[in-house]
C-alpha atoms as a PDB file:
ATOM      1  CA  UNK A   1     -17.280 -36.197  40.264  1.00  0.00           C
ATOM      2  CA  UNK A   2     -18.489 -32.482  40.560  1.00  0.00           C
ATOM      3  CA  UNK A   3     -15.150 -31.187  41.047  1.00  0.00           C
ATOM      4  CA  UNK A   4     -13.792 -33.080  37.961  1.00  0.00           C
ATOM      5  CA  UNK A   5     -16.604 -31.630  35.763  1.00  0.00           C
ATOM      6  CA  UNK A   6     -15.741 -28.143  37.010  1.00  0.00           C
ATOM      7  CA  UNK A   7     -12.097 -28.489  36.606  1.00  0.00           C
ATOM      8  CA  UNK A   8     -12.648 -30.114  33.097  1.00  0.00           C
ATOM      9  CA  UNK A   9     -14.968 -27.052  32.059  1.00  0.00           C
ATOM     10  CA  UNK A  10     -12.335 -24.526  33.533  1.00  0.00           C
ATOM     11  CA  UNK A  11      -9.541 -26.001  31.675  1.00  0.00           C
ATOM     12  CA  UNK A  12     -11.684 -25.909  28.502  1.00  0.00           C
ATOM     13  CA  UNK A  13     -12.510 -22.217  29.064  1.00  0.00           C
ATOM     14  CA  UNK A  14      -8.826 -21.458  29.662  1.00  0.00           C
ATOM     15  CA  UNK A  15      -7.887 -23.291  26.643  1.00  0.00           C
ATOM     16  CA  UNK A  16     -10.384 -21.370  24.508  1.00  0.00           C
ATOM     17  CA  UNK A  17      -9.291 -18.183  26.251  1.00  0.00           C
ATOM     18  CA  UNK A  18      -5.628 -19.065  25.295  1.00  0.00           C
ATOM     19  CA  UNK A  19      -6.532 -19.674  21.683  1.00  0.00           C
ATOM     20  CA  UNK A  20      -8.445 -16.552  21.410  1.00  0.00           C
ATOM     21  CA  UNK A  21      -5.514 -14.620  22.860  1.00  0.00           C
ATOM     22  CA  UNK A  22      -3.135 -16.182  20.519  1.00  0.00           C
ATOM     23  CA  UNK A  23      -5.260 -15.545  17.463  1.00  0.00           C
ATOM     24  CA  UNK A  24      -5.759 -11.945  18.536  1.00  0.00           C
ATOM     25  CA  UNK A  25      -1.975 -11.465  18.870  1.00  0.00           C
ATOM     26  CA  UNK A  26      -1.319 -13.130  15.563  1.00  0.00           C
ATOM     27  CA  UNK A  27      -3.838 -10.881  13.900  1.00  0.00           C
ATOM     28  CA  UNK A  28      -2.137  -7.904  15.266  1.00  0.00           C
ATOM     29  CA  UNK A  29       1.155  -8.857  13.963  1.00  0.00           C
ATOM     30  CA  UNK A  30      -0.180  -9.794  10.515  1.00  0.00           C
ATOM     31  CA  UNK A  31      -2.069  -6.450  10.280  1.00  0.00           C
ATOM     32  CA  UNK A  32       1.211  -4.593  11.265  1.00  0.00           C
ATOM     33  CA  UNK A  33       2.994  -6.577   8.558  1.00  0.00           C
ATOM     34  CA  UNK A  34       0.444  -5.637   6.007  1.00  0.00           C
ATOM     35  CA  UNK A  35       0.593  -1.908   6.970  1.00  0.00           C
ATOM     36  CA  UNK A  36       4.152  -1.840   6.408  1.00  0.00           C
ATOM     37  CA  UNK A  37       3.749  -3.303   2.871  1.00  0.00           C
ATOM     38  CA  UNK A  38       1.074  -0.689   2.214  1.00  0.00           C
ATOM     39  CA  UNK A  39       3.373   2.167   3.417  1.00  0.00           C
ATOM     40  CA  UNK A  40       6.267   0.788   1.052  1.00  0.00           C
ATOM     41  CA  UNK A  41       3.817   0.668  -1.881  1.00  0.00           C
ATOM     42  CA  UNK A  42       2.585   4.285  -1.063  1.00  0.00           C
ATOM     43  CA  UNK A  43       5.972   5.704  -0.905  1.00  0.00           C
ATOM     44  CA  UNK A  44       7.145   3.898  -4.126  1.00  0.00           C
ATOM     45  CA  UNK A  45       4.015   5.537  -6.051  1.00  0.00           C
ATOM     46  CA  UNK A  46       4.905   8.835  -4.628  1.00  0.00           C
ATOM     47  CA  UNK A  47       8.544   8.382  -5.862  1.00  0.00           C
ATOM     48  CA  UNK A  48       7.213   7.505  -9.381  1.00  0.00           C
ATOM     49  CA  UNK A  49       4.914  10.415  -9.394  1.00  0.00           C
ATOM     50  CA  UNK A  50       7.463  12.842  -8.253  1.00  0.00           C
ATOM     51  CA  UNK A  51       9.918  11.611 -10.985  1.00  0.00           C
ATOM     52  CA  UNK A  52       7.222  11.572 -13.690  1.00  0.00           C
ATOM     53  CA  UNK A  53       6.483  15.174 -12.951  1.00  0.00           C
ATOM     54  CA  UNK A  54      10.144  16.034 -13.339  1.00  0.00           C
ATOM     55  CA  UNK A  55      10.376  14.196 -16.633  1.00  0.00           C
ATOM     56  CA  UNK A  56       6.967  15.628 -17.828  1.00  0.00           C
ATOM     57  CA  UNK A  57       8.673  19.028 -17.401  1.00  0.00           C
ATOM     58  CA  UNK A  58      11.711  17.898 -19.524  1.00  0.00           C
ATOM     59  CA  UNK A  59       9.532  16.383 -22.286  1.00  0.00           C
ATOM     60  CA  UNK A  60       7.024  19.122 -22.596  1.00  0.00           C
ATOM     61  CA  UNK A  61       8.797  22.330 -21.675  1.00  0.00           C
ATOM     62  CA  UNK A  62      12.082  21.397 -23.011  1.00  0.00           C
ATOM     63  CA  UNK A  63      11.011  19.143 -26.077  1.00  0.00           C
ATOM     64  CA  UNK A  64      12.839  16.254 -24.612  1.00  0.00           C
ATOM     65  CA  UNK A  65      16.192  17.863 -24.317  1.00  0.00           C
ATOM     66  CA  UNK A  66      18.201  17.592 -21.017  1.00  0.00           C
ATOM     67  CA  UNK A  67      18.927  21.151 -20.180  1.00  0.00           C
ATOM     68  CA  UNK A  68      20.741  20.920 -16.874  1.00  0.00           C
ATOM     69  CA  UNK A  69      20.681  24.748 -16.370  1.00  0.00           C
ATOM     70  CA  UNK A  70      16.867  25.211 -16.581  1.00  0.00           C
ATOM     71  CA  UNK A  71      16.425  21.901 -14.708  1.00  0.00           C
ATOM     72  CA  UNK A  72      18.635  22.906 -11.900  1.00  0.00           C
ATOM     73  CA  UNK A  73      17.019  26.376 -11.434  1.00  0.00           C
ATOM     74  CA  UNK A  74      13.731  24.615 -10.718  1.00  0.00           C
ATOM     75  CA  UNK A  75      14.927  21.597  -8.690  1.00  0.00           C
ATOM     76  CA  UNK A  76      17.875  22.707  -6.651  1.00  0.00           C
ATOM     77  CA  UNK A  77      17.858  19.473  -4.673  1.00  0.00           C
ATOM     78  CA  UNK A  78      18.959  17.236  -7.421  1.00  0.00           C
ATOM     79  CA  UNK A  79      22.523  16.560  -8.906  1.00  0.00           C
ATOM     80  CA  UNK A  80      23.057  15.325 -12.323  1.00  0.00           C
ATOM     81  CA  UNK A  81      26.508  13.913 -13.065  1.00  0.00           C
ATOM     82  CA  UNK A  82      27.892  12.733 -16.393  1.00  0.00           C
ATOM     83  CA  UNK A  83      29.122   9.072 -15.991  1.00  0.00           C
ATOM     84  CA  UNK A  84      32.337   8.292 -18.157  1.00  0.00           C
ATOM     85  CA  UNK A  85      33.246   4.913 -19.589  1.00  0.00           C
ATOM     86  CA  UNK A  86      29.419   3.844 -19.767  1.00  0.00           C
ATOM     87  CA  UNK A  87      28.481   1.300 -22.358  1.00  0.00           C
ATOM     88  CA  UNK A  88      26.174   3.395 -24.536  1.00  0.00           C
ATOM     89  CA  UNK A  89      26.201   4.137 -28.445  1.00  0.00           C
ATOM     90  CA  UNK A  90      28.752   6.260 -29.826  1.00  0.00           C
ATOM     91  CA  UNK A  91      27.783  10.003 -29.329  1.00  0.00           C
ATOM     92  CA  UNK A  92      25.370   9.228 -26.504  1.00  0.00           C
ATOM     93  CA  UNK A  93      25.959  10.326 -22.942  1.00  0.00           C
ATOM     94  CA  UNK A  94      25.025   8.509 -19.781  1.00  0.00           C
ATOM     95  CA  UNK A  95      23.956  10.797 -16.680  1.00  0.00           C
ATOM     96  CA  UNK A  96      23.199   9.788 -13.040  1.00  0.00           C
ATOM     97  CA  UNK A  97      20.835  11.825 -11.087  1.00  0.00           C
ATOM     98  CA  UNK A  98      20.539  11.880  -7.303  1.00  0.00           C
ATOM     99  CA  UNK A  99      19.582  14.287  -4.453  1.00  0.00           C
ATOM    100  CA  UNK A 100      22.509  16.448  -3.673  1.00  0.00           C
ATOM    101  CA  UNK A 101      21.695  18.246  -0.502  1.00  0.00           C
ATOM    102  CA  UNK A 102      22.230  15.676   2.603  1.00  0.00           C
ATOM    103  CA  UNK A 103      19.251  17.250   4.535  1.00  0.00           C
ATOM    104  CA  UNK A 104      16.995  16.885   1.561  1.00  0.00           C
ATOM    105  CA  UNK A 105      18.352  13.511   0.611  1.00  0.00           C
ATOM    106  CA  UNK A 106      17.160  12.275   3.986  1.00  0.00           C
ATOM    107  CA  UNK A 107      13.613  13.934   3.496  1.00  0.00           C
ATOM    108  CA  UNK A 108      13.338  12.406   0.076  1.00  0.00           C
ATOM    109  CA  UNK A 109      14.606   8.917   1.238  1.00  0.00           C
ATOM    110  CA  UNK A 110      11.113   8.111   2.199  1.00  0.00           C
ATOM    111  CA  UNK A 111       9.810   8.433  -1.455  1.00  0.00           C
ATOM    112  CA  UNK A 112      11.997   5.479  -2.459  1.00  0.00           C
ATOM    113  CA  UNK A 113      11.096   1.897  -1.738  1.00  0.00           C
ATOM    114  CA  UNK A 114      14.083  -0.090  -0.851  1.00  0.00           C
ATOM    115  CA  UNK A 115      12.421  -3.094  -2.684  1.00  0.00           C
ATOM    116  CA  UNK A 116      11.738  -1.504  -5.912  1.00  0.00           C
ATOM    117  CA  UNK A 117      13.476   1.790  -6.475  1.00  0.00           C
ATOM    118  CA  UNK A 118      17.019   2.996  -5.515  1.00  0.00           C
ATOM    119  CA  UNK A 119      18.283   6.495  -4.843  1.00  0.00           C
ATOM    120  CA  UNK A 120      19.754   6.964  -8.285  1.00  0.00           C
ATOM    121  CA  UNK A 121      18.064   7.712 -11.501  1.00  0.00           C
ATOM    122  CA  UNK A 122      19.852   7.177 -14.908  1.00  0.00           C
ATOM    123  CA  UNK A 123      19.498   9.252 -18.129  1.00  0.00           C
ATOM    124  CA  UNK A 124      20.815   8.486 -21.456  1.00  0.00           C
ATOM    125  CA  UNK A 125      20.851  11.184 -24.147  1.00  0.00           C
ATOM    126  CA  UNK A 126      22.083  11.474 -27.739  1.00  0.00           C
ATOM    127  CA  UNK A 127      24.901  13.911 -29.024  1.00  0.00           C
ATOM    128  CA  UNK A 128      22.118  16.614 -29.346  1.00  0.00           C
ATOM    129  CA  UNK A 129      21.088  16.177 -25.611  1.00  0.00           C
ATOM    130  CA  UNK A 130      17.646  14.756 -26.476  1.00  0.00           C
ATOM    131  CA  UNK A 131      16.607  11.995 -23.804  1.00  0.00           C
ATOM    132  CA  UNK A 132      16.759   8.565 -25.200  1.00  0.00           C
ATOM    133  CA  UNK A 133      16.326   6.522 -21.960  1.00  0.00           C
ATOM    134  CA  UNK A 134      15.163   6.902 -18.367  1.00  0.00           C
ATOM    135  CA  UNK A 135      15.546   4.343 -15.582  1.00  0.00           C
ATOM    136  CA  UNK A 136      16.064   3.619 -12.017  1.00  0.00           C
ATOM    137  CA  UNK A 137      18.874   1.669 -10.464  1.00  0.00           C
ATOM    138  CA  UNK A 138      17.196  -1.533  -8.891  1.00  0.00           C
ATOM    139  CA  UNK A 139      18.970  -2.800  -5.708  1.00  0.00           C
END
């Protein structure tokens, strides 16, 4: 009878220990999952802030006009390309912006959240070059 009680207690202790270990492992995996989500959100915020600084420069310094020469002098790592056959109003132009240098492109890849923002940023200007619309390509 004594051995049955001892073996029952030891089984119970092993069961409690196994449950605690399982809970600990589950907690570690869940914390790791949440950390990855926080990193994704941080990179998205950095991306938004970086692009907002770029567009603040365009709107404040250049009065909202897309002057590619000035923009490219200060930001050599981007490439702006006119998109032909875009569905925009008559006289408006549609541009696509992306990072042009492969090494820099990889460096800046961390600023883009794969869930929210893609690598390409689009710009629509009127016939005078004044920016009308800005948006990211969503994956």
